[in-house]
Amino acid sequence: MDDQTLLPVGIVHLEGNGRIVKTNAWFADWAGASLDALPGRMIDEFLVHASEDIMSLDDSGPWVMVHAQDPSKAVMATRHRRPDDDVVVMAEASSRFSALRDLRRQYALADRTRTRLELVMDSSIAFSTATTEARLAEILADTTARAYRAEESTVYLHLPDGSSAVAAGYDGLEGRLDAETLIAMVSAPRRILKVQSEHEAERLVPGLGPAMRTAGVRAFIAAPLHHEEIDFGAFVSWFHHDRVFDDEASTLAEALAGQAAQSLATLRLQARLAHAATHDEVTGLPNRRLLEAQMEQIMRTTRCAALFVDLDDFKSVNDQLGHHAGDRMLRDAGERLASAVRADDLVARYGGDEFVVLCNVTESSVATEIADRMLSVLRGEHDGASSRAALRASIGVAIAEHAGEAPAELLRRADVAMYRAKSAGGDRFVIAN
């Protein structure tokens, strides 16, 4: 083969170990070196296989190869083995390589987009099946870990007391940074945060970089959980390997976080509605409906007592000071009654100025002790209550004669005993016959 051929191809003669023997001018020009400087140098100083596996290759080629210092320059090469040397013949392929590479990336992006769309649709269905916040958090942690191929994902939720805690998943920083700090990174600005190095993390939040290094975290992506101006928390996916995020990563995080937050809002609305249906609006105590439902369950197997409480002189407070003052009196009475009973006893507002306390008892003395303590607390004689206005009440105490007694009968007997206490002047309790 004539090395001085005018064909627009590169020709390189090689020793078996890849050392250049001679080349033609085309290759020297493509390699960016003088023709005389190439002999004796290794071919892989100038020519390497493309990282993209665009073609299926065999031992002789053709191969797509790129310039070792300028990957945008590419050639299509074949290698011809001869007894004395090997000859590599190559033709310019930069434009073709660039087009093939872009096409492959577009196909890969389309495939990722399709996969992520399916994931978003599947997660939407999964979120809708969650009946508790804990279960929803577990689904979100699992979904985001799979979506990003992260070693772990953590879901942080705000608690009713204003603090925040891990609701699901494993804390990638192993507690080295508190949940509030992690949530604040994305919650206040309401942004998707992609961190790809310790240095980037340290610039963001002091102490975050060292925490990542100690925990072996190389990168993370975080998203806020918010819906209609309500902040619920955030999720964070942690990576123990180098991770570069494409533009679709933010879109996916936004979609998953938005769906989860909407489901959280629905769960909390359902919880509020369920609570409102079974609790008194004024006092916050269980209402008559919840009391009767629980009495049905408790009285099937357990001997218990019902204490029927009616506030003395409540009507005069309502008539003279108005309903707002009456509501304050009811709330105060409910709080005092709840503080006077045991942890397992049920205090409910039965209606008007009437309350019912249901408690498990083994003997009548326990019920009378509770009734006596309630009167004391209502009067303000209990520690810490002396500065509050004294309240008076009439209490009827009825003890179930046997397990399985009808709840309505127990309440009737307690109600009758309460009227006996009121007829006797009030501010006392009477035990039903």
Protein backbone atom coordinates (compact mmCIF):
# COMPACT_ATOMS: atom_id res chain seq x y z
CA MET A 1 0.00 0.00 0.00
CA ASP A 2 1.46 3.39 -0.96
CA ASP A 3 1.90 5.59 2.09
CA GLN A 4 1.87 8.69 -0.09
CA THR A 5 -1.57 7.94 -1.52
CA LEU A 6 -3.76 10.97 -2.06
CA LEU A 7 -6.88 9.20 -0.82
CA PRO A 8 -8.43 11.03 2.16
CA VAL A 9 -7.60 8.26 4.59
CA GLY A 10 -5.11 7.79 7.35
CA ILE A 11 -2.58 4.98 7.18
CA VAL A 12 -0.44 3.89 10.13
CA HIS A 13 2.08 1.03 10.17
CA LEU A 14 2.51 -0.53 13.61
CA GLU A 15 4.74 -3.00 15.32
CA GLY A 16 2.92 -5.82 17.11
CA ASN A 17 3.10 -3.93 20.44
CA GLY A 18 1.34 -0.88 18.97
CA ARG A 19 4.44 1.25 18.35
CA ILE A 20 4.21 3.46 15.26
CA VAL A 21 6.64 2.63 12.45
CA LYS A 22 5.44 5.19 9.93
CA THR A 23 2.29 7.08 8.96
CA ASN A 24 1.01 9.15 6.09
CA ALA A 25 0.46 12.91 6.15
CA TRP A 26 -3.31 12.62 6.60
CA PHE A 27 -2.93 10.89 9.96
CA ALA A 28 -0.18 13.27 11.08
CA ASP A 29 -2.42 16.21 10.33
CA TRP A 30 -5.40 14.55 12.08
CA ALA A 31 -3.25 13.67 15.11
CA GLY A 32 -1.88 17.21 15.31
CA ALA A 33 1.78 16.15 15.07
CA SER A 34 4.56 16.46 12.53
CA LEU A 35 5.11 13.49 10.26
CA ASP A 36 8.69 12.99 11.50
CA ALA A 37 7.67 13.05 15.19
CA LEU A 38 5.32 10.07 15.03
CA PRO A 39 7.61 7.04 14.42
CA GLY A 40 8.56 5.33 17.68
CA ARG A 41 5.54 6.59 19.63
CA MET A 42 2.62 4.42 20.77
CA ILE A 43 -0.58 4.59 18.77
CA ASP A 44 -2.74 4.89 21.90
CA GLU A 45 -1.14 8.28 22.56
CA PHE A 46 -3.28 9.53 19.70
CA LEU A 47 -6.03 7.01 19.05
CA VAL A 48 -8.35 5.27 21.53
CA HIS A 49 -11.57 3.32 21.26
CA ALA A 50 -14.72 5.38 21.69
CA SER A 51 -16.40 4.82 25.06
CA GLU A 52 -19.81 4.51 23.38
CA ASP A 53 -20.37 0.99 22.11
CA ILE A 54 -22.02 2.12 18.89
CA MET A 55 -21.00 -0.78 16.69
CA SER A 56 -20.52 -4.48 17.18
CA LEU A 57 -16.81 -5.06 16.57
CA ASP A 58 -14.57 -7.99 15.85
CA ASP A 59 -10.79 -8.29 16.10
CA SER A 60 -10.08 -6.48 12.85
CA GLY A 61 -12.73 -3.76 13.00
CA PRO A 62 -14.23 -1.59 11.88
CA TRP A 63 -13.99 0.41 15.08
CA VAL A 64 -15.05 3.89 15.99
CA MET A 65 -11.97 5.49 17.51
CA VAL A 66 -11.44 9.00 18.84
CA HIS A 67 -8.52 11.32 19.36
CA ALA A 68 -6.97 10.71 22.78
CA GLN A 69 -6.91 14.45 23.59
CA ASP A 70 -9.96 15.58 21.61
CA PRO A 71 -12.90 13.14 21.83
CA SER A 72 -14.88 15.21 19.33
CA LYS A 73 -12.55 14.00 16.54
CA ALA A 74 -13.38 10.45 15.42
CA VAL A 75 -12.36 7.99 12.71
CA MET A 76 -13.62 4.66 11.43
CA ALA A 77 -10.64 2.29 11.61
CA THR A 78 -9.73 -1.22 10.47
CA ARG A 79 -6.58 -3.16 11.30
CA HIS A 80 -4.90 -5.41 8.77
CA ARG A 81 -2.35 -7.86 10.15
CA ARG A 82 0.68 -8.65 7.94
CA PRO A 83 3.81 -10.73 8.51
CA ASP A 84 6.10 -7.74 9.00
CA ASP A 85 3.73 -5.18 10.54
CA ASP A 86 0.12 -4.24 11.10
CA VAL A 87 -1.58 -1.55 9.06
CA VAL A 88 -4.39 0.58 10.46
CA VAL A 89 -6.52 2.30 7.86
CA MET A 90 -8.90 5.02 9.00
CA ALA A 91 -11.37 7.46 7.52
CA GLU A 92 -12.78 10.68 8.97
CA ALA A 93 -15.97 9.98 10.97
CA SER A 94 -16.35 12.89 13.37
CA SER A 95 -19.72 14.05 12.06
CA ARG A 96 -21.06 10.51 11.82
CA PHE A 97 -19.83 9.65 15.30
CA SER A 98 -21.37 12.80 16.77
CA ALA A 99 -24.72 12.06 15.08
CA LEU A 100 -24.70 8.44 16.22
CA ARG A 101 -23.79 9.46 19.75
CA ASP A 102 -26.55 12.07 19.90
CA LEU A 103 -29.04 9.58 18.49
CA ARG A 104 -28.08 7.00 21.08
CA ARG A 105 -28.42 9.55 23.87
CA GLN A 106 -31.83 10.58 22.58
CA TYR A 107 -32.93 6.94 22.56
CA ALA A 108 -31.54 6.50 26.08
CA LEU A 109 -33.31 9.66 27.26
CA ALA A 110 -36.57 8.51 25.69
CA ASP A 111 -36.21 5.14 27.37
CA ARG A 112 -35.51 6.77 30.75
CA THR A 113 -38.44 9.12 30.27
CA ARG A 114 -40.76 6.21 29.49
CA THR A 115 -39.49 4.26 32.51
CA ARG A 116 -39.88 7.26 34.79
CA LEU A 117 -43.36 8.00 33.49
CA GLU A 118 -44.37 4.43 34.28
CA LEU A 119 -42.82 4.82 37.72
CA VAL A 120 -44.79 8.03 38.37
CA MET A 121 -48.03 6.34 37.31
CA ASP A 122 -47.34 3.26 39.44
CA SER A 123 -46.40 5.40 42.45
CA SER A 124 -49.61 7.43 42.08
CA ILE A 125 -51.62 4.23 42.43
CA ALA A 126 -49.47 3.05 45.35
CA PHE A 127 -49.82 6.37 47.20
CA SER A 128 -53.60 6.24 46.82
CA THR A 129 -53.69 2.85 48.58
CA ALA A 130 -51.86 4.09 51.68
CA THR A 131 -54.17 4.38 54.68
CA THR A 132 -51.62 5.85 57.11
CA GLU A 133 -48.84 8.43 56.89
CA ALA A 134 -46.31 5.80 57.96
CA ARG A 135 -47.28 3.51 55.08
CA LEU A 136 -47.22 6.37 52.58
CA ALA A 137 -43.74 7.36 53.77
CA GLU A 138 -42.54 3.76 53.31
CA ILE A 139 -43.87 3.73 49.73
CA LEU A 140 -42.17 7.05 48.95
CA ALA A 141 -38.83 5.92 50.40
CA ASP A 142 -38.91 2.68 48.43
CA THR A 143 -40.05 4.37 45.20
CA THR A 144 -37.41 7.10 45.24
CA ALA A 145 -34.61 4.66 46.07
CA ARG A 146 -35.59 2.53 43.07
CA ALA A 147 -36.17 5.53 40.81
CA TYR A 148 -32.66 6.90 41.32
CA ARG A 149 -30.91 3.61 42.09
CA ALA A 150 -29.86 5.11 45.40
CA GLU A 151 -28.40 3.09 48.25
CA GLU A 152 -31.14 4.46 50.49
CA SER A 153 -33.86 7.10 50.66
CA THR A 154 -35.16 8.89 53.73
CA VAL A 155 -38.56 10.49 54.24
CA TYR A 156 -38.67 13.21 56.91
CA LEU A 157 -42.04 14.46 58.18
CA HIS A 158 -43.02 17.31 60.48
CA LEU A 159 -44.58 16.13 63.74
CA PRO A 160 -47.60 17.75 65.46
CA ASP A 161 -45.32 19.25 68.16
CA GLY A 162 -43.36 21.18 65.52
CA SER A 163 -40.30 18.93 65.42
CA SER A 164 -39.33 16.63 62.53
CA ALA A 165 -38.27 13.01 62.39
CA VAL A 166 -37.49 10.13 60.05
CA ALA A 167 -40.82 8.65 58.96
CA ALA A 168 -39.42 5.95 56.67
CA GLY A 169 -36.17 4.71 55.20
CA TYR A 170 -32.65 4.91 56.55
CA ASP A 171 -30.98 8.22 57.41
CA GLY A 172 -28.02 8.33 55.04
CA LEU A 173 -26.08 10.69 57.33
CA GLU A 174 -26.68 8.41 60.34
CA GLY A 175 -27.94 11.25 62.51
CA ARG A 176 -24.96 13.56 61.94
CA LEU A 177 -27.28 16.36 60.84
CA ASP A 178 -30.71 16.96 62.35
CA ALA A 179 -33.87 16.47 60.33
CA GLU A 180 -34.93 20.13 60.56
CA THR A 181 -31.69 21.27 58.89
CA LEU A 182 -32.09 18.77 56.06
CA ILE A 183 -35.73 19.74 55.47
CA ALA A 184 -34.91 23.46 55.57
CA MET A 185 -32.49 23.07 52.64
CA VAL A 186 -35.43 22.46 50.31
CA SER A 187 -38.54 23.43 52.25
CA ALA A 188 -38.15 27.20 52.59
CA PRO A 189 -37.02 27.84 48.99
CA ARG A 190 -39.24 24.98 47.78
CA ARG A 191 -36.66 23.67 45.36
CA ILE A 192 -35.20 20.39 44.19
CA LEU A 193 -31.64 20.13 45.47
CA LYS A 194 -28.99 18.06 43.66
CA VAL A 195 -25.62 17.79 45.43
CA GLN A 196 -22.82 15.91 43.68
CA SER A 197 -19.81 16.45 45.99
CA GLU A 198 -18.80 17.10 49.59
CA HIS A 199 -17.46 20.56 48.65
CA GLU A 200 -20.77 21.53 47.09
CA ALA A 201 -22.57 20.31 50.21
CA GLU A 202 -20.29 22.25 52.56
CA ARG A 203 -20.92 25.48 50.66
CA LEU A 204 -24.63 24.82 51.04
CA VAL A 205 -24.75 23.99 54.78
CA PRO A 206 -21.70 24.15 57.07
CA GLY A 207 -21.02 20.69 58.48
CA LEU A 208 -22.85 18.85 55.72
CA GLY A 209 -19.65 18.03 53.80
CA PRO A 210 -17.89 16.30 56.73
CA ALA A 211 -21.13 14.49 57.61
CA MET A 212 -21.33 13.10 54.07
CA ARG A 213 -17.67 12.08 54.10
CA THR A 214 -17.97 10.24 57.43
CA ALA A 215 -21.14 8.46 56.31
CA GLY A 216 -19.64 7.56 52.93
CA VAL A 217 -22.22 9.60 51.00
CA ARG A 218 -20.96 10.94 47.66
CA ALA A 219 -24.13 12.66 46.42
CA PHE A 220 -27.81 13.17 47.17
CA ILE A 221 -31.02 14.58 45.71
CA ALA A 222 -33.68 16.14 47.94
CA ALA A 223 -37.20 17.44 47.34
CA PRO A 224 -39.74 19.23 49.57
CA LEU A 225 -43.13 17.71 50.34
CA HIS A 226 -45.62 20.55 50.11
CA HIS A 227 -49.19 20.95 48.91
CA GLU A 228 -51.22 24.15 48.76
CA GLU A 229 -48.92 26.12 51.07
CA ILE A 230 -48.67 23.27 53.59
CA ASP A 231 -45.18 21.88 54.25
CA PHE A 232 -45.10 18.24 55.29
CA GLY A 233 -41.34 17.56 55.19
CA ALA A 234 -38.94 16.27 52.53
CA PHE A 235 -37.38 13.18 51.00
CA VAL A 236 -33.67 12.64 50.36
CA SER A 237 -32.08 9.91 48.23
CA TRP A 238 -28.46 9.11 49.20
CA PHE A 239 -25.69 7.75 46.98
CA HIS A 240 -22.49 6.04 48.10
CA HIS A 241 -21.10 6.29 44.57
CA ASP A 242 -20.40 9.23 42.26
CA ARG A 243 -23.66 10.44 40.74
CA VAL A 244 -24.33 13.00 38.04
CA PHE A 245 -27.97 14.09 37.73
CA ASP A 246 -29.59 14.84 34.39
CA ASP A 247 -32.35 17.40 33.88
CA GLU A 248 -35.01 14.71 34.17
CA ALA A 249 -33.95 13.95 37.75
CA SER A 250 -35.50 17.18 39.03
CA THR A 251 -38.70 16.65 37.07
CA LEU A 252 -39.07 13.15 38.49
CA ALA A 253 -38.40 14.33 42.06
CA GLU A 254 -40.96 17.09 41.66
CA ALA A 255 -43.58 14.64 40.40
CA LEU A 256 -43.02 12.04 43.13
CA ALA A 257 -42.86 14.62 45.92
CA GLY A 258 -45.99 16.36 44.62
CA GLN A 259 -47.97 13.13 44.49
CA ALA A 260 -46.83 12.11 47.97
CA ALA A 261 -47.67 15.53 49.43
CA GLN A 262 -51.13 15.47 47.87
CA SER A 263 -51.75 12.03 49.37
CA LEU A 264 -50.51 13.27 52.76
CA ALA A 265 -52.94 16.19 52.56
CA THR A 266 -55.78 13.77 51.78
CA LEU A 267 -54.85 11.49 54.69
CA ARG A 268 -54.76 14.39 57.12
CA LEU A 269 -58.07 15.74 55.88
CA GLN A 270 -59.62 12.30 56.32
CA ALA A 271 -58.14 12.10 59.82
CA ARG A 272 -59.60 15.51 60.73
CA LEU A 273 -63.01 14.54 59.37
CA ALA A 274 -62.92 11.21 61.24
CA HIS A 275 -61.88 13.02 64.42
CA ALA A 276 -64.64 15.60 63.99
CA ALA A 277 -67.21 12.84 63.56
CA THR A 278 -66.25 11.20 66.86
CA HIS A 279 -65.15 14.14 69.02
CA ASP A 280 -66.88 17.12 70.55
CA GLU A 281 -66.12 20.42 68.86
CA VAL A 282 -66.11 22.51 72.06
CA THR A 283 -64.09 20.32 74.45
CA GLY A 284 -62.20 18.08 72.03
CA LEU A 285 -63.32 15.05 74.05
CA PRO A 286 -64.87 11.92 72.51
CA ASN A 287 -68.54 12.53 71.76
CA ARG A 288 -71.61 10.45 72.53
CA ARG A 289 -71.26 8.44 69.31
CA LEU A 290 -67.71 7.32 70.12
CA LEU A 291 -68.61 6.66 73.78
CA GLU A 292 -71.47 4.33 72.88
CA ALA A 293 -69.37 2.51 70.25
CA GLN A 294 -66.56 1.90 72.75
CA MET A 295 -68.97 0.88 75.49
CA GLU A 296 -70.32 -1.84 73.18
CA GLN A 297 -66.82 -3.26 72.81
CA ILE A 298 -65.66 -2.88 76.42
CA MET A 299 -68.74 -4.17 78.16
CA ARG A 300 -68.81 -7.45 76.24
CA THR A 301 -65.84 -8.76 78.20
CA THR A 302 -65.02 -6.39 81.05
CA ARG A 303 -66.78 -5.25 84.18
CA CYS A 304 -66.86 -1.48 84.23
CA ALA A 305 -68.48 1.56 85.81
CA ALA A 306 -70.17 4.55 84.21
CA LEU A 307 -69.95 7.91 86.00
CA PHE A 308 -72.60 10.34 84.73
CA VAL A 309 -71.48 13.95 85.41
CA ASP A 310 -73.79 16.97 85.23
CA LEU A 311 -72.38 20.44 85.96
CA ASP A 312 -74.29 22.35 88.64
CA ASP A 313 -75.60 25.84 87.77
CA PHE A 314 -74.42 25.67 84.18
CA LYS A 315 -77.68 27.12 82.86
CA SER A 316 -77.23 30.28 84.91
CA VAL A 317 -73.73 30.79 83.48
CA ASN A 318 -75.07 30.48 79.94
CA ASP A 319 -78.02 32.78 80.65
CA GLN A 320 -76.08 35.48 82.52
CA LEU A 321 -72.67 35.47 80.78
CA GLY A 322 -73.50 34.04 77.34
CA HIS A 323 -72.60 30.96 75.37
CA HIS A 324 -68.91 31.87 75.01
CA ALA A 325 -68.54 31.82 78.78
CA GLY A 326 -70.50 28.56 78.84
CA ASP A 327 -68.17 27.01 76.26
CA ARG A 328 -65.14 28.08 78.33
CA MET A 329 -66.69 26.45 81.38
CA LEU A 330 -67.30 23.22 79.43
CA ARG A 331 -63.69 23.14 78.16
CA ASP A 332 -62.37 23.78 81.65
CA ALA A 333 -64.58 21.06 83.12
CA GLY A 334 -63.50 18.58 80.43
CA GLU A 335 -59.81 19.25 81.11
CA ARG A 336 -60.28 18.85 84.87
CA LEU A 337 -62.22 15.60 84.50
CA ALA A 338 -59.59 14.17 82.15
CA SER A 339 -56.85 15.05 84.66
CA ALA A 340 -58.70 13.31 87.50
CA VAL A 341 -59.12 9.88 85.90
CA ARG A 342 -56.69 7.10 85.05
CA ALA A 343 -54.91 6.85 81.70
CA ASP A 344 -57.16 4.03 80.44
CA ASP A 345 -60.43 5.65 81.51
CA LEU A 346 -62.62 7.24 78.84
CA VAL A 347 -63.98 10.78 79.36
CA ALA A 348 -66.65 11.89 76.88
CA ARG A 349 -69.01 14.80 76.51
CA TYR A 350 -72.47 13.28 76.40
CA GLY A 351 -74.35 16.45 75.50
CA GLY A 352 -75.15 19.88 76.94
CA ASP A 353 -73.44 20.11 80.32
CA GLU A 354 -73.26 16.34 80.75
CA PHE A 355 -70.13 14.18 80.70
CA VAL A 356 -69.70 10.43 81.03
CA VAL A 357 -66.62 8.66 82.37
CA LEU A 358 -66.27 4.97 81.59
CA CYS A 359 -63.70 3.01 83.60
CA ASN A 360 -62.75 -0.60 84.19
CA VAL A 361 -63.28 -1.57 87.84
CA THR A 362 -63.04 -4.75 89.86
CA GLU A 363 -64.93 -3.39 92.86
CA SER A 364 -67.17 -0.43 93.69
CA SER A 365 -64.56 1.32 95.87
CA VAL A 366 -62.45 2.07 92.77
CA ALA A 367 -65.37 3.84 91.09
CA THR A 368 -66.17 5.90 94.19
CA GLU A 369 -62.51 6.92 94.55
CA ILE A 370 -62.55 8.22 90.96
CA ALA A 371 -65.85 10.07 91.55
CA ASP A 372 -64.49 11.66 94.73
CA ARG A 373 -61.28 12.73 92.95
CA MET A 374 -63.28 14.29 90.10
CA LEU A 375 -65.34 16.39 92.52
CA SER A 376 -62.14 17.54 94.23
CA VAL A 377 -60.50 18.55 90.97
CA LEU A 378 -63.63 20.36 89.76
CA ARG A 379 -63.73 22.35 93.03
CA GLY A 380 -60.14 23.42 92.48
CA GLU A 381 -58.79 21.54 95.48
CA HIS A 382 -56.31 19.57 93.39
CA ASP A 383 -52.66 20.73 93.22
CA GLY A 384 -52.17 23.39 90.59
CA ALA A 385 -55.89 24.09 90.22
CA SER A 386 -56.45 26.35 93.25
CA SER A 387 -56.21 29.51 91.13
CA ARG A 388 -59.02 28.39 88.83
CA ALA A 389 -62.72 29.07 89.44
CA ALA A 390 -64.46 26.39 91.48
CA LEU A 391 -66.87 24.16 89.60
CA ARG A 392 -69.59 21.97 91.05
CA ALA A 393 -71.11 18.81 89.63
CA SER A 394 -73.57 16.06 90.43
CA ILE A 395 -72.28 12.56 89.67
CA GLY A 396 -74.17 9.32 89.35
CA VAL A 397 -72.10 6.13 89.64
CA ALA A 398 -73.38 2.87 88.16
CA ILE A 399 -71.35 -0.34 88.22
CA ALA A 400 -72.09 -3.06 85.68
CA GLU A 401 -73.66 -6.01 87.47
CA HIS A 402 -72.01 -8.46 85.05
CA ALA A 403 -69.91 -8.51 81.89
CA GLY A 404 -72.19 -8.14 78.90
CA GLU A 405 -74.73 -5.80 80.54
CA ALA A 406 -76.39 -3.53 77.96
CA PRO A 407 -74.62 -0.14 77.72
CA ALA A 408 -77.94 1.71 77.56
CA GLU A 409 -79.02 0.11 80.87
CA LEU A 410 -75.76 1.04 82.59
CA LEU A 411 -76.04 4.66 81.41
CA ARG A 412 -79.71 4.80 82.49
CA ARG A 413 -78.85 3.69 86.02
CA ALA A 414 -75.97 6.20 86.20
CA ASP A 415 -78.27 8.96 84.92
CA VAL A 416 -80.89 8.19 87.58
CA ALA A 417 -78.22 8.23 90.30
CA MET A 418 -76.98 11.60 88.98
CA TYR A 419 -80.46 13.11 89.38
CA ARG A 420 -80.57 11.81 92.95
CA ALA A 421 -77.25 13.61 93.61
CA LYS A 422 -78.62 16.83 92.10
CA SER A 423 -81.85 16.56 94.07
CA ALA A 424 -79.75 16.23 97.21
CA GLY A 425 -78.12 19.62 96.54
CA GLY A 426 -75.44 18.73 94.00
CA ASP A 427 -71.65 18.80 94.42
CA ARG A 428 -71.67 15.12 95.36
CA PHE A 429 -71.90 11.63 93.92
CA VAL A 430 -74.52 8.94 94.45
CA ILE A 431 -74.12 5.23 93.71
CA ALA A 432 -76.93 3.65 91.72
CA ASN A 433 -78.99 0.89 93.36
